[in-house]
Amino acid sequence: MCHLFSHQPQRNYESQTRSLRIGGHCTSIRLEMSFWDTLEEIAAKEGMSVAKFLTTLHNEVLDHHGEVNNFASLLRCSCLIYRAKANAPAVVPDYRPGAAIMDAAE
């Protein structure tokens, strides 16, 4: 089992610090390259740069929670959620003849 983890490329867990401006303030974020790669993938799917995606995410968290605690950890968890959803099998409900069909408005 440890081979799966120990034989990964060292680049995956090397850290990189990137500087950006969020809400008019300059900041830097240090993440492992695997997380930066995932954030670049997410941003590309959203049709924006990583900086724009991070600013948008920061603002949405600020609007929802009123503050943003530990943004780097939030980014790591967001990447884990994104990867988990990308690897989750599609769920198809079982068809049962005679079963009641619910309207989405119910």
Protein backbone atom coordinates (compact mmCIF):
# COMPACT_ATOMS: atom_id res chain seq x y z
CA MET A 1 0.00 0.00 0.00
CA CYS A 2 2.73 2.50 0.84
CA HIS A 3 4.17 2.10 -2.68
CA LEU A 4 1.15 3.98 -4.00
CA PHE A 5 2.11 6.96 -1.87
CA SER A 6 5.89 6.66 -1.65
CA HIS A 7 6.48 6.25 -5.39
CA GLN A 8 4.63 9.38 -6.49
CA PRO A 9 6.71 12.04 -8.24
CA GLN A 10 8.36 14.42 -5.79
CA ARG A 11 6.98 17.33 -7.79
CA ASN A 12 3.50 16.43 -6.48
CA TYR A 13 4.37 17.38 -2.92
CA GLU A 14 6.86 20.17 -3.53
CA SER A 15 5.49 23.48 -2.30
CA GLN A 16 5.17 26.62 -4.34
CA THR A 17 4.27 30.07 -3.11
CA ARG A 18 2.22 32.26 -5.43
CA SER A 19 1.38 35.92 -4.90
CA LEU A 20 -1.94 37.45 -5.82
CA ARG A 21 -4.22 40.34 -4.99
CA ILE A 22 -7.53 39.56 -3.25
CA GLY A 23 -9.89 42.35 -2.31
CA GLY A 24 -7.24 44.96 -3.00
CA HIS A 25 -4.72 43.29 -0.68
CA CYS A 26 -1.57 41.51 -1.81
CA THR A 27 -1.16 38.06 -0.31
CA SER A 28 0.78 34.90 -0.93
CA ILE A 29 -0.42 31.33 -0.76
CA ARG A 30 1.83 28.30 -0.33
CA LEU A 31 0.46 24.98 -1.60
CA GLU A 32 1.83 21.71 -2.87
CA MET A 33 2.05 21.42 -6.68
CA SER A 34 -0.71 18.80 -6.77
CA PHE A 35 -3.10 21.37 -5.33
CA TRP A 36 -1.96 24.09 -7.74
CA ASP A 37 -2.49 21.66 -10.63
CA THR A 38 -6.00 20.92 -9.42
CA LEU A 39 -6.81 24.61 -8.96
CA GLU A 40 -5.58 25.30 -12.49
CA GLU A 41 -7.87 22.52 -13.77
CA ILE A 42 -10.88 23.89 -11.87
CA ALA A 43 -10.20 27.45 -13.05
CA ALA A 44 -9.86 26.30 -16.67
CA LYS A 45 -13.19 24.48 -16.45
CA GLU A 46 -14.74 27.69 -15.12
CA GLY A 47 -13.17 29.67 -17.97
CA MET A 48 -11.00 31.87 -15.77
CA SER A 49 -7.46 32.28 -14.54
CA VAL A 50 -6.39 30.77 -11.23
CA ALA A 51 -6.12 34.27 -9.74
CA LYS A 52 -9.67 35.12 -10.83
CA PHE A 53 -10.98 31.78 -9.54
CA LEU A 54 -9.30 32.26 -6.15
CA THR A 55 -10.65 35.80 -5.87
CA THR A 56 -14.16 34.61 -6.76
CA LEU A 57 -13.97 31.75 -4.25
CA HIS A 58 -12.62 34.05 -1.53
CA ASN A 59 -15.44 36.55 -2.12
CA GLU A 60 -18.12 33.82 -2.05
CA VAL A 61 -16.76 32.43 1.22
CA LEU A 62 -16.63 35.95 2.65
CA ASP A 63 -20.25 36.55 1.60
CA HIS A 64 -21.38 33.22 3.06
CA HIS A 65 -19.40 33.11 6.32
CA GLY A 66 -18.48 36.75 6.90
CA GLU A 67 -14.78 35.89 7.14
CA VAL A 68 -12.24 33.62 5.52
CA ASN A 69 -10.19 31.62 7.98
CA ASN A 70 -7.16 29.73 6.68
CA PHE A 71 -7.67 30.22 2.95
CA ALA A 72 -4.88 27.77 2.06
CA SER A 73 -6.66 24.99 3.97
CA LEU A 74 -9.93 25.93 2.30
CA LEU A 75 -8.20 25.56 -1.07
CA ARG A 76 -6.79 22.14 -0.18
CA CYS A 77 -10.20 20.92 0.97
CA SER A 78 -11.83 22.36 -2.16
CA CYS A 79 -9.38 20.36 -4.28
CA LEU A 80 -10.19 17.19 -2.35
CA ILE A 81 -13.93 17.77 -2.85
CA TYR A 82 -13.39 18.42 -6.56
CA ARG A 83 -11.34 15.22 -6.99
CA ALA A 84 -13.81 13.15 -4.96
CA LYS A 85 -16.72 14.34 -7.08
CA ALA A 86 -14.77 13.78 -10.30
CA ASN A 87 -14.07 10.18 -9.29
CA ALA A 88 -17.52 9.40 -7.86
CA PRO A 89 -19.60 7.00 -9.95
CA ALA A 90 -22.79 8.36 -11.41
CA VAL A 91 -25.74 7.32 -9.28
CA VAL A 92 -28.67 5.99 -11.24
CA PRO A 93 -31.82 5.43 -9.17
CA ASP A 94 -33.27 1.94 -9.24
CA TYR A 95 -36.34 1.58 -11.38
CA ARG A 96 -39.16 -0.22 -9.62
CA PRO A 97 -42.35 -0.83 -11.55
CA GLY A 98 -45.33 0.62 -9.75
CA ALA A 99 -43.19 2.90 -7.59
CA ALA A 100 -44.51 6.39 -7.08
CA ILE A 101 -42.81 9.01 -9.19
CA MET A 102 -42.14 12.25 -7.35
CA ASP A 103 -42.16 15.56 -9.10
CA ALA A 104 -39.12 17.72 -8.38
CA ALA A 105 -41.47 20.43 -7.11
CA GLU A 106 -42.84 18.16 -4.36
